[in-house]
C-alpha atoms as a PDB file:
ATOM      1  CA  UNK A   1       4.303   0.747 -27.490  1.00  0.00           C
ATOM      2  CA  UNK A   2       5.908   2.894 -30.574  1.00  0.00           C
ATOM      3  CA  UNK A   3       8.190   0.233 -31.507  1.00  0.00           C
ATOM      4  CA  UNK A   4       8.292  -1.329 -35.121  1.00  0.00           C
ATOM      5  CA  UNK A   5       6.589  -4.947 -35.263  1.00  0.00           C
ATOM      6  CA  UNK A   6       7.844  -6.584 -38.208  1.00  0.00           C
ATOM      7  CA  UNK A   7       5.587  -9.453 -37.812  1.00  0.00           C
ATOM      8  CA  UNK A   8       2.288 -10.066 -36.637  1.00  0.00           C
ATOM      9  CA  UNK A   9       3.318 -12.124 -33.700  1.00  0.00           C
ATOM     10  CA  UNK A  10       5.375  -9.679 -32.717  1.00  0.00           C
ATOM     11  CA  UNK A  11       2.906  -7.262 -32.160  1.00  0.00           C
ATOM     12  CA  UNK A  12       0.194  -9.688 -30.897  1.00  0.00           C
ATOM     13  CA  UNK A  13       2.684 -10.722 -28.042  1.00  0.00           C
ATOM     14  CA  UNK A  14       3.352  -6.775 -27.195  1.00  0.00           C
ATOM     15  CA  UNK A  15      -0.452  -6.634 -26.946  1.00  0.00           C
ATOM     16  CA  UNK A  16      -0.595  -9.259 -24.688  1.00  0.00           C
ATOM     17  CA  UNK A  17       1.925  -8.274 -22.490  1.00  0.00           C
ATOM     18  CA  UNK A  18       0.181  -4.936 -22.281  1.00  0.00           C
ATOM     19  CA  UNK A  19      -3.158  -6.148 -21.380  1.00  0.00           C
ATOM     20  CA  UNK A  20      -1.542  -8.467 -19.123  1.00  0.00           C
ATOM     21  CA  UNK A  21       0.007  -5.831 -17.102  1.00  0.00           C
ATOM     22  CA  UNK A  22      -2.830  -3.717 -17.246  1.00  0.00           C
ATOM     23  CA  UNK A  23      -5.668  -6.546 -16.049  1.00  0.00           C
ATOM     24  CA  UNK A  24      -2.848  -8.192 -13.456  1.00  0.00           C
ATOM     25  CA  UNK A  25       0.232  -5.364 -12.354  1.00  0.00           C
ATOM     26  CA  UNK A  26      -1.637  -1.603 -12.821  1.00  0.00           C
ATOM     27  CA  UNK A  27      -3.052  -0.314  -9.841  1.00  0.00           C
ATOM     28  CA  UNK A  28      -6.745   1.599 -10.635  1.00  0.00           C
ATOM     29  CA  UNK A  29      -7.568   4.545  -8.723  1.00  0.00           C
ATOM     30  CA  UNK A  30     -11.281   4.341  -9.803  1.00  0.00           C
ATOM     31  CA  UNK A  31     -11.192   0.474  -8.134  1.00  0.00           C
ATOM     32  CA  UNK A  32      -9.784   1.616  -5.201  1.00  0.00           C
ATOM     33  CA  UNK A  33      -5.981   1.071  -6.106  1.00  0.00           C
ATOM     34  CA  UNK A  34      -6.808  -2.870  -7.019  1.00  0.00           C
ATOM     35  CA  UNK A  35      -6.137  -4.670 -10.082  1.00  0.00           C
ATOM     36  CA  UNK A  36      -8.891  -5.048 -12.432  1.00  0.00           C
ATOM     37  CA  UNK A  37      -8.231  -9.123 -12.157  1.00  0.00           C
ATOM     38  CA  UNK A  38      -8.722  -8.428  -8.009  1.00  0.00           C
ATOM     39  CA  UNK A  39     -11.993  -7.442  -8.353  1.00  0.00           C
ATOM     40  CA  UNK A  40     -12.914  -9.909 -10.654  1.00  0.00           C
ATOM     41  CA  UNK A  41     -11.758 -12.813  -8.573  1.00  0.00           C
ATOM     42  CA  UNK A  42     -13.138 -11.027  -5.683  1.00  0.00           C
ATOM     43  CA  UNK A  43     -10.176 -10.556  -3.587  1.00  0.00           C
ATOM     44  CA  UNK A  44     -10.662  -6.601  -3.191  1.00  0.00           C
ATOM     45  CA  UNK A  45     -12.595  -7.100   0.169  1.00  0.00           C
ATOM     46  CA  UNK A  46      -9.597  -8.942   1.993  1.00  0.00           C
ATOM     47  CA  UNK A  47      -7.228  -7.066   0.325  1.00  0.00           C
ATOM     48  CA  UNK A  48      -8.523  -3.920   1.443  1.00  0.00           C
ATOM     49  CA  UNK A  49      -9.065  -5.139   4.726  1.00  0.00           C
ATOM     50  CA  UNK A  50      -5.278  -6.065   4.957  1.00  0.00           C
ATOM     51  CA  UNK A  51      -4.177  -2.792   3.905  1.00  0.00           C
ATOM     52  CA  UNK A  52      -6.410  -1.206   6.613  1.00  0.00           C
ATOM     53  CA  UNK A  53      -4.858  -3.550   9.487  1.00  0.00           C
ATOM     54  CA  UNK A  54      -1.396  -2.803   8.354  1.00  0.00           C
ATOM     55  CA  UNK A  55      -2.462   1.394   8.205  1.00  0.00           C
ATOM     56  CA  UNK A  56      -3.896   0.972  11.829  1.00  0.00           C
ATOM     57  CA  UNK A  57      -1.140  -0.968  13.040  1.00  0.00           C
ATOM     58  CA  UNK A  58       1.498   1.630  11.360  1.00  0.00           C
ATOM     59  CA  UNK A  59      -0.418   4.003  12.723  1.00  0.00           C
ATOM     60  CA  UNK A  60       0.050   2.776  16.642  1.00  0.00           C
ATOM     61  CA  UNK A  61       3.616   2.022  15.917  1.00  0.00           C
ATOM     62  CA  UNK A  62       4.203   5.675  15.276  1.00  0.00           C
ATOM     63  CA  UNK A  63       2.271   6.555  18.079  1.00  0.00           C
ATOM     64  CA  UNK A  64       4.561   4.400  20.521  1.00  0.00           C
ATOM     65  CA  UNK A  65       7.618   5.735  18.874  1.00  0.00           C
ATOM     66  CA  UNK A  66       6.602   9.512  19.076  1.00  0.00           C
ATOM     67  CA  UNK A  67       3.836  10.263  21.900  1.00  0.00           C
ATOM     68  CA  UNK A  68       5.027   7.352  24.555  1.00  0.00           C
ATOM     69  CA  UNK A  69       8.694   8.174  24.950  1.00  0.00           C
ATOM     70  CA  UNK A  70       7.881  12.038  25.415  1.00  0.00           C
ATOM     71  CA  UNK A  71       5.009  11.335  27.659  1.00  0.00           C
ATOM     72  CA  UNK A  72       7.497   9.099  29.878  1.00  0.00           C
ATOM     73  CA  UNK A  73      10.148  11.538  30.157  1.00  0.00           C
ATOM     74  CA  UNK A  74       8.090  14.264  30.970  1.00  0.00           C
ATOM     75  CA  UNK A  75       6.685  12.246  33.917  1.00  0.00           C
ATOM     76  CA  UNK A  76      10.186  11.534  34.861  1.00  0.00           C
ATOM     77  CA  UNK A  77      11.131  15.140  34.902  1.00  0.00           C
ATOM     78  CA  UNK A  78       8.231  16.124  36.954  1.00  0.00           C
ATOM     79  CA  UNK A  79       9.290  13.491  39.759  1.00  0.00           C
ATOM     80  CA  UNK A  80      12.587  15.110  39.814  1.00  0.00           C
ATOM     81  CA  UNK A  81      11.777  18.691  39.725  1.00  0.00           C
ATOM     82  CA  UNK A  82       9.235  17.994  42.942  1.00  0.00           C
ATOM     83  CA  UNK A  83      11.902  16.219  44.918  1.00  0.00           C
ATOM     84  CA  UNK A  84      14.008  19.144  44.654  1.00  0.00           C
END
């Protein structure tokens, strides 16, 4: 934003780009990491619900990857230890 603008139109274009970025692309922490446009147009609840579903699915997948094989291996080892 510290560039030199020689014509008023150049500055207006740059300010318009900045406002567009601020309202449509930049996530705001005070808005639950939504954009102002998402909140204004009512898309916030659906975005937050989708994020929550993704979070829960990811946690379930990680649990499956990290704990289920270990539990299965422990069960498998116990059978062989009891037989010998």
